[in-house]
């Protein structure tokens, strides 16, 4: 990466390899606004990095770079909650502009070369039935990391009622557990960017 270009954009780069402990140390020390993961990062490492980001609580967003023909990796990364997914061939300037656009518009940015196939995969995941306002409310709180009793206290419900709602949500979304329900809701744009992420956006292009 061209460090002078990033500095001119007001961004300080801190290099880090894909080894988990090193990444966590950098996260704690630098408290970055963005974490950029390149091709060297595997799916498990991306998922682990996203968990570390959420636990750190600094509001860090994650951008991932991938091969233009690897739509599956793009879909999995967006489903896990990355804020920006671009082709690894993207220039530094293009990456910076995508990150700025995500910040300014509060959007998940997906490179145009992935978009058509990604939209097709989203259509295949349409929920079997619409979610109620209460169910969406629970999903939003779950996306923020709240657990059953915390959600119950927030909404003045019993833990049993919260669990009942989540069983319905899981059934409607055709997933296996609460974490998958949140991920699918994000992918479908059922919860907003403020709650985690959203796919209701145009593809990112250079024009």
C-alpha atoms as a PDB file:
ATOM      1  CA  UNK A   1       0.000   0.000   0.000  1.00  0.00           C
ATOM      2  CA  UNK A   2       1.083   3.571  -0.706  1.00  0.00           C
ATOM      3  CA  UNK A   3       1.494   4.961   2.809  1.00  0.00           C
ATOM      4  CA  UNK A   4       1.881   8.563   1.623  1.00  0.00           C
ATOM      5  CA  UNK A   5      -1.474   8.376  -0.151  1.00  0.00           C
ATOM      6  CA  UNK A   6      -3.147   7.051   2.987  1.00  0.00           C
ATOM      7  CA  UNK A   7      -1.489   9.721   5.127  1.00  0.00           C
ATOM      8  CA  UNK A   8      -2.721  12.427   2.765  1.00  0.00           C
ATOM      9  CA  UNK A   9      -6.238  11.057   3.332  1.00  0.00           C
ATOM     10  CA  UNK A  10      -5.739  11.398   7.076  1.00  0.00           C
ATOM     11  CA  UNK A  11      -5.298   7.660   7.644  1.00  0.00           C
ATOM     12  CA  UNK A  12      -2.447   6.073   9.599  1.00  0.00           C
ATOM     13  CA  UNK A  13      -1.638   2.493   8.593  1.00  0.00           C
ATOM     14  CA  UNK A  14      -0.549  -0.175  11.068  1.00  0.00           C
ATOM     15  CA  UNK A  15       0.606  -3.424   9.450  1.00  0.00           C
ATOM     16  CA  UNK A  16      -0.451  -6.737  10.956  1.00  0.00           C
ATOM     17  CA  UNK A  17      -0.263 -10.352   9.818  1.00  0.00           C
ATOM     18  CA  UNK A  18      -3.099 -12.877   9.997  1.00  0.00           C
ATOM     19  CA  UNK A  19      -1.974 -14.375  13.312  1.00  0.00           C
ATOM     20  CA  UNK A  20      -4.792 -13.926  15.817  1.00  0.00           C
ATOM     21  CA  UNK A  21      -2.928 -12.818  18.962  1.00  0.00           C
ATOM     22  CA  UNK A  22      -0.943 -10.209  17.058  1.00  0.00           C
ATOM     23  CA  UNK A  23      -4.147  -8.858  15.532  1.00  0.00           C
ATOM     24  CA  UNK A  24      -5.788  -8.541  18.950  1.00  0.00           C
ATOM     25  CA  UNK A  25      -2.767  -6.672  20.325  1.00  0.00           C
ATOM     26  CA  UNK A  26      -2.884  -4.197  17.443  1.00  0.00           C
ATOM     27  CA  UNK A  27      -6.630  -3.741  17.956  1.00  0.00           C
ATOM     28  CA  UNK A  28      -6.160  -2.885  21.624  1.00  0.00           C
ATOM     29  CA  UNK A  29      -3.163  -0.614  21.065  1.00  0.00           C
ATOM     30  CA  UNK A  30      -4.318   1.286  17.970  1.00  0.00           C
ATOM     31  CA  UNK A  31      -8.130   1.276  18.378  1.00  0.00           C
ATOM     32  CA  UNK A  32      -8.471   1.575  14.587  1.00  0.00           C
ATOM     33  CA  UNK A  33     -11.545   2.940  12.861  1.00  0.00           C
ATOM     34  CA  UNK A  34     -11.020   0.342  10.095  1.00  0.00           C
ATOM     35  CA  UNK A  35      -9.427  -3.086   9.885  1.00  0.00           C
ATOM     36  CA  UNK A  36      -8.451  -4.168   6.349  1.00  0.00           C
ATOM     37  CA  UNK A  37      -8.038  -7.913   5.792  1.00  0.00           C
ATOM     38  CA  UNK A  38      -6.368  -9.121   2.596  1.00  0.00           C
ATOM     39  CA  UNK A  39      -6.379 -12.380   0.673  1.00  0.00           C
ATOM     40  CA  UNK A  40      -4.131 -14.068   3.241  1.00  0.00           C
ATOM     41  CA  UNK A  41      -7.020 -14.150   5.715  1.00  0.00           C
ATOM     42  CA  UNK A  42      -9.141 -17.303   5.615  1.00  0.00           C
ATOM     43  CA  UNK A  43     -12.873 -17.423   6.437  1.00  0.00           C
ATOM     44  CA  UNK A  44     -12.238 -18.553  10.029  1.00  0.00           C
ATOM     45  CA  UNK A  45      -9.752 -15.754  10.567  1.00  0.00           C
ATOM     46  CA  UNK A  46     -12.165 -13.176   9.167  1.00  0.00           C
ATOM     47  CA  UNK A  47     -14.933 -14.452  11.461  1.00  0.00           C
ATOM     48  CA  UNK A  48     -12.545 -14.400  14.446  1.00  0.00           C
ATOM     49  CA  UNK A  49     -11.425 -10.857  13.600  1.00  0.00           C
ATOM     50  CA  UNK A  50     -15.045  -9.709  13.501  1.00  0.00           C
ATOM     51  CA  UNK A  51     -15.638 -11.252  16.931  1.00  0.00           C
ATOM     52  CA  UNK A  52     -12.551  -9.432  18.276  1.00  0.00           C
ATOM     53  CA  UNK A  53     -13.781  -6.170  16.756  1.00  0.00           C
ATOM     54  CA  UNK A  54     -17.181  -6.489  18.428  1.00  0.00           C
ATOM     55  CA  UNK A  55     -15.677  -7.433  21.779  1.00  0.00           C
ATOM     56  CA  UNK A  56     -13.241  -4.512  21.664  1.00  0.00           C
ATOM     57  CA  UNK A  57     -16.162  -2.099  21.423  1.00  0.00           C
ATOM     58  CA  UNK A  58     -14.241   0.615  19.572  1.00  0.00           C
ATOM     59  CA  UNK A  59     -16.699   0.774  16.658  1.00  0.00           C
ATOM     60  CA  UNK A  60     -14.074  -0.567  14.261  1.00  0.00           C
ATOM     61  CA  UNK A  61     -15.353  -1.489  10.795  1.00  0.00           C
ATOM     62  CA  UNK A  62     -13.883  -4.345   8.775  1.00  0.00           C
ATOM     63  CA  UNK A  63     -12.991  -4.241   5.070  1.00  0.00           C
ATOM     64  CA  UNK A  64     -12.027  -7.426   3.220  1.00  0.00           C
ATOM     65  CA  UNK A  65     -10.238  -7.775  -0.113  1.00  0.00           C
ATOM     66  CA  UNK A  66     -10.825 -10.870  -2.243  1.00  0.00           C
ATOM     67  CA  UNK A  67     -10.415 -12.304  -5.719  1.00  0.00           C
ATOM     68  CA  UNK A  68     -13.017 -11.014  -8.162  1.00  0.00           C
ATOM     69  CA  UNK A  69     -14.217 -14.517  -9.060  1.00  0.00           C
ATOM     70  CA  UNK A  70     -14.648 -15.688  -5.430  1.00  0.00           C
ATOM     71  CA  UNK A  71     -18.255 -14.656  -4.862  1.00  0.00           C
ATOM     72  CA  UNK A  72     -18.684 -17.260  -2.129  1.00  0.00           C
ATOM     73  CA  UNK A  73     -16.051 -15.620   0.055  1.00  0.00           C
ATOM     74  CA  UNK A  74     -17.704 -12.271  -0.509  1.00  0.00           C
ATOM     75  CA  UNK A  75     -21.120 -13.642   0.503  1.00  0.00           C
ATOM     76  CA  UNK A  76     -19.736 -15.313   3.628  1.00  0.00           C
ATOM     77  CA  UNK A  77     -17.824 -12.206   4.680  1.00  0.00           C
ATOM     78  CA  UNK A  78     -20.822  -9.910   4.261  1.00  0.00           C
ATOM     79  CA  UNK A  79     -22.990 -12.413   6.124  1.00  0.00           C
ATOM     80  CA  UNK A  80     -20.511 -12.348   9.004  1.00  0.00           C
ATOM     81  CA  UNK A  81     -20.717  -8.562   9.153  1.00  0.00           C
ATOM     82  CA  UNK A  82     -17.935  -6.907   7.151  1.00  0.00           C
ATOM     83  CA  UNK A  83     -18.665  -3.303   6.213  1.00  0.00           C
ATOM     84  CA  UNK A  84     -16.761  -3.264   2.926  1.00  0.00           C
ATOM     85  CA  UNK A  85     -15.822  -6.035   0.461  1.00  0.00           C
ATOM     86  CA  UNK A  86     -13.711  -5.119  -2.554  1.00  0.00           C
ATOM     87  CA  UNK A  87     -11.752  -6.927  -5.226  1.00  0.00           C
ATOM     88  CA  UNK A  88      -8.127  -7.398  -4.184  1.00  0.00           C
ATOM     89  CA  UNK A  89      -7.076  -5.642  -7.403  1.00  0.00           C
ATOM     90  CA  UNK A  90      -8.576  -2.371  -6.089  1.00  0.00           C
ATOM     91  CA  UNK A  91      -6.242   0.615  -5.942  1.00  0.00           C
ATOM     92  CA  UNK A  92      -5.476   2.318  -2.638  1.00  0.00           C
ATOM     93  CA  UNK A  93      -7.524   5.324  -3.725  1.00  0.00           C
ATOM     94  CA  UNK A  94     -10.525   3.118  -4.492  1.00  0.00           C
ATOM     95  CA  UNK A  95     -10.304   1.387  -1.105  1.00  0.00           C
ATOM     96  CA  UNK A  96     -10.138   4.745   0.663  1.00  0.00           C
ATOM     97  CA  UNK A  97     -13.161   6.059  -1.260  1.00  0.00           C
ATOM     98  CA  UNK A  98     -15.158   2.911  -0.480  1.00  0.00           C
ATOM     99  CA  UNK A  99     -14.371   3.199   3.229  1.00  0.00           C
ATOM    100  CA  UNK A 100     -15.295   6.889   3.238  1.00  0.00           C
ATOM    101  CA  UNK A 101     -18.566   6.130   1.451  1.00  0.00           C
ATOM    102  CA  UNK A 102     -19.398   3.452   4.024  1.00  0.00           C
ATOM    103  CA  UNK A 103     -18.741   5.923   6.847  1.00  0.00           C
ATOM    104  CA  UNK A 104     -20.585   8.839   5.249  1.00  0.00           C
ATOM    105  CA  UNK A 105     -23.681   6.919   4.137  1.00  0.00           C
ATOM    106  CA  UNK A 106     -23.656   4.206   6.843  1.00  0.00           C
ATOM    107  CA  UNK A 107     -23.687   1.469   4.203  1.00  0.00           C
ATOM    108  CA  UNK A 108     -22.207  -1.932   3.557  1.00  0.00           C
ATOM    109  CA  UNK A 109     -20.146  -1.537   0.383  1.00  0.00           C
ATOM    110  CA  UNK A 110     -19.872  -4.497  -1.997  1.00  0.00           C
ATOM    111  CA  UNK A 111     -17.759  -4.189  -5.123  1.00  0.00           C
ATOM    112  CA  UNK A 112     -19.788  -4.204  -8.350  1.00  0.00           C
ATOM    113  CA  UNK A 113     -18.024  -7.340  -9.626  1.00  0.00           C
ATOM    114  CA  UNK A 114     -19.641  -9.357  -6.798  1.00  0.00           C
ATOM    115  CA  UNK A 115     -22.992  -7.642  -6.648  1.00  0.00           C
ATOM    116  CA  UNK A 116     -25.146  -9.484  -9.186  1.00  0.00           C
ATOM    117  CA  UNK A 117     -24.263 -12.946  -7.884  1.00  0.00           C
ATOM    118  CA  UNK A 118     -24.612 -11.768  -4.291  1.00  0.00           C
ATOM    119  CA  UNK A 119     -28.099 -10.401  -4.907  1.00  0.00           C
ATOM    120  CA  UNK A 120     -29.071 -13.764  -6.438  1.00  0.00           C
ATOM    121  CA  UNK A 121     -27.919 -15.562  -3.298  1.00  0.00           C
ATOM    122  CA  UNK A 122     -29.870 -13.138  -1.120  1.00  0.00           C
ATOM    123  CA  UNK A 123     -33.069 -13.865  -3.042  1.00  0.00           C
ATOM    124  CA  UNK A 124     -32.637 -17.564  -2.282  1.00  0.00           C
ATOM    125  CA  UNK A 125     -32.584 -16.729   1.424  1.00  0.00           C
ATOM    126  CA  UNK A 126     -35.869 -14.837   1.559  1.00  0.00           C
ATOM    127  CA  UNK A 127     -37.658 -15.615   4.843  1.00  0.00           C
ATOM    128  CA  UNK A 128     -40.533 -18.087   4.746  1.00  0.00           C
ATOM    129  CA  UNK A 129     -42.791 -15.582   6.521  1.00  0.00           C
ATOM    130  CA  UNK A 130     -42.542 -11.908   7.414  1.00  0.00           C
ATOM    131  CA  UNK A 131     -41.108 -10.975  10.771  1.00  0.00           C
ATOM    132  CA  UNK A 132     -43.208  -8.989  13.225  1.00  0.00           C
ATOM    133  CA  UNK A 133     -42.140  -5.623  14.614  1.00  0.00           C
ATOM    134  CA  UNK A 134     -41.386  -7.303  17.941  1.00  0.00           C
ATOM    135  CA  UNK A 135     -39.255  -9.985  16.272  1.00  0.00           C
ATOM    136  CA  UNK A 136     -37.260  -7.341  14.407  1.00  0.00           C
ATOM    137  CA  UNK A 137     -36.800  -5.481  17.691  1.00  0.00           C
ATOM    138  CA  UNK A 138     -35.331  -8.604  19.280  1.00  0.00           C
ATOM    139  CA  UNK A 139     -33.022  -9.167  16.312  1.00  0.00           C
ATOM    140  CA  UNK A 140     -31.700  -5.615  16.564  1.00  0.00           C
ATOM    141  CA  UNK A 141     -30.854  -6.085  20.224  1.00  0.00           C
ATOM    142  CA  UNK A 142     -29.252  -9.457  19.520  1.00  0.00           C
ATOM    143  CA  UNK A 143     -27.148  -7.827  16.780  1.00  0.00           C
ATOM    144  CA  UNK A 144     -25.868  -5.396  19.416  1.00  0.00           C
ATOM    145  CA  UNK A 145     -24.670  -8.363  21.473  1.00  0.00           C
ATOM    146  CA  UNK A 146     -27.399  -8.472  24.125  1.00  0.00           C
ATOM    147  CA  UNK A 147     -28.240 -11.866  25.623  1.00  0.00           C
ATOM    148  CA  UNK A 148     -31.625 -13.284  26.580  1.00  0.00           C
ATOM    149  CA  UNK A 149     -31.943 -11.720  30.040  1.00  0.00           C
ATOM    150  CA  UNK A 150     -30.577  -8.373  28.840  1.00  0.00           C
ATOM    151  CA  UNK A 151     -33.082  -8.318  25.980  1.00  0.00           C
ATOM    152  CA  UNK A 152     -35.856  -9.292  28.404  1.00  0.00           C
ATOM    153  CA  UNK A 153     -34.942  -6.407  30.722  1.00  0.00           C
ATOM    154  CA  UNK A 154     -34.692  -3.934  27.826  1.00  0.00           C
ATOM    155  CA  UNK A 155     -38.146  -4.858  26.470  1.00  0.00           C
ATOM    156  CA  UNK A 156     -39.805  -5.626  29.813  1.00  0.00           C
ATOM    157  CA  UNK A 157     -40.393  -9.257  28.864  1.00  0.00           C
ATOM    158  CA  UNK A 158     -39.652 -12.550  30.554  1.00  0.00           C
ATOM    159  CA  UNK A 159     -36.705 -14.631  29.418  1.00  0.00           C
ATOM    160  CA  UNK A 160     -39.186 -17.347  28.413  1.00  0.00           C
ATOM    161  CA  UNK A 161     -40.997 -14.914  26.106  1.00  0.00           C
ATOM    162  CA  UNK A 162     -37.724 -13.822  24.506  1.00  0.00           C
ATOM    163  CA  UNK A 163     -36.775 -17.444  23.852  1.00  0.00           C
ATOM    164  CA  UNK A 164     -40.252 -18.078  22.382  1.00  0.00           C
ATOM    165  CA  UNK A 165     -39.834 -15.181  19.956  1.00  0.00           C
ATOM    166  CA  UNK A 166     -36.391 -16.354  18.901  1.00  0.00           C
ATOM    167  CA  UNK A 167     -37.692 -19.856  18.177  1.00  0.00           C
ATOM    168  CA  UNK A 168     -40.213 -18.264  15.811  1.00  0.00           C
ATOM    169  CA  UNK A 169     -37.558 -16.052  14.230  1.00  0.00           C
ATOM    170  CA  UNK A 170     -35.232 -19.015  13.663  1.00  0.00           C
ATOM    171  CA  UNK A 171     -38.051 -20.978  12.060  1.00  0.00           C
ATOM    172  CA  UNK A 172     -39.089 -18.125   9.775  1.00  0.00           C
ATOM    173  CA  UNK A 173     -35.556 -17.406   8.600  1.00  0.00           C
ATOM    174  CA  UNK A 174     -34.752 -21.079   8.074  1.00  0.00           C
ATOM    175  CA  UNK A 175     -31.613 -21.035  10.222  1.00  0.00           C
ATOM    176  CA  UNK A 176     -30.306 -23.154  13.108  1.00  0.00           C
ATOM    177  CA  UNK A 177     -29.616 -20.687  15.875  1.00  0.00           C
ATOM    178  CA  UNK A 178     -29.785 -17.066  17.006  1.00  0.00           C
ATOM    179  CA  UNK A 179     -26.371 -16.093  15.624  1.00  0.00           C
ATOM    180  CA  UNK A 180     -27.351 -17.360  12.165  1.00  0.00           C
ATOM    181  CA  UNK A 181     -30.672 -15.521  12.459  1.00  0.00           C
ATOM    182  CA  UNK A 182     -28.863 -12.235  13.085  1.00  0.00           C
ATOM    183  CA  UNK A 183     -26.441 -12.888  10.220  1.00  0.00           C
ATOM    184  CA  UNK A 184     -29.256 -13.675   7.802  1.00  0.00           C
ATOM    185  CA  UNK A 185     -31.269 -10.639   8.903  1.00  0.00           C
ATOM    186  CA  UNK A 186     -28.230  -8.472   8.184  1.00  0.00           C
ATOM    187  CA  UNK A 187     -27.740 -10.089   4.781  1.00  0.00           C
ATOM    188  CA  UNK A 188     -31.408  -9.556   3.902  1.00  0.00           C
ATOM    189  CA  UNK A 189     -31.364  -5.945   5.108  1.00  0.00           C
ATOM    190  CA  UNK A 190     -34.009  -6.635   7.768  1.00  0.00           C
ATOM    191  CA  UNK A 191     -32.020  -4.750  10.377  1.00  0.00           C
ATOM    192  CA  UNK A 192     -30.410  -1.418   9.698  1.00  0.00           C
ATOM    193  CA  UNK A 193     -26.770  -0.418   9.471  1.00  0.00           C
ATOM    194  CA  UNK A 194     -27.000   1.105  12.959  1.00  0.00           C
ATOM    195  CA  UNK A 195     -27.822  -2.344  14.344  1.00  0.00           C
ATOM    196  CA  UNK A 196     -24.977  -4.114  12.549  1.00  0.00           C
ATOM    197  CA  UNK A 197     -25.046  -3.813   8.777  1.00  0.00           C
ATOM    198  CA  UNK A 198     -27.387  -3.582   5.809  1.00  0.00           C
ATOM    199  CA  UNK A 199     -27.406  -4.773   2.222  1.00  0.00           C
ATOM    200  CA  UNK A 200     -29.849  -2.138   1.011  1.00  0.00           C
ATOM    201  CA  UNK A 201     -27.339  -0.243  -1.110  1.00  0.00           C
ATOM    202  CA  UNK A 202     -26.215   0.133  -4.710  1.00  0.00           C
ATOM    203  CA  UNK A 203     -23.062  -1.645  -5.860  1.00  0.00           C
ATOM    204  CA  UNK A 204     -19.850   0.319  -5.395  1.00  0.00           C
ATOM    205  CA  UNK A 205     -18.440   1.470  -8.704  1.00  0.00           C
ATOM    206  CA  UNK A 206     -15.554   3.662  -9.778  1.00  0.00           C
ATOM    207  CA  UNK A 207     -17.738   6.118 -11.634  1.00  0.00           C
END
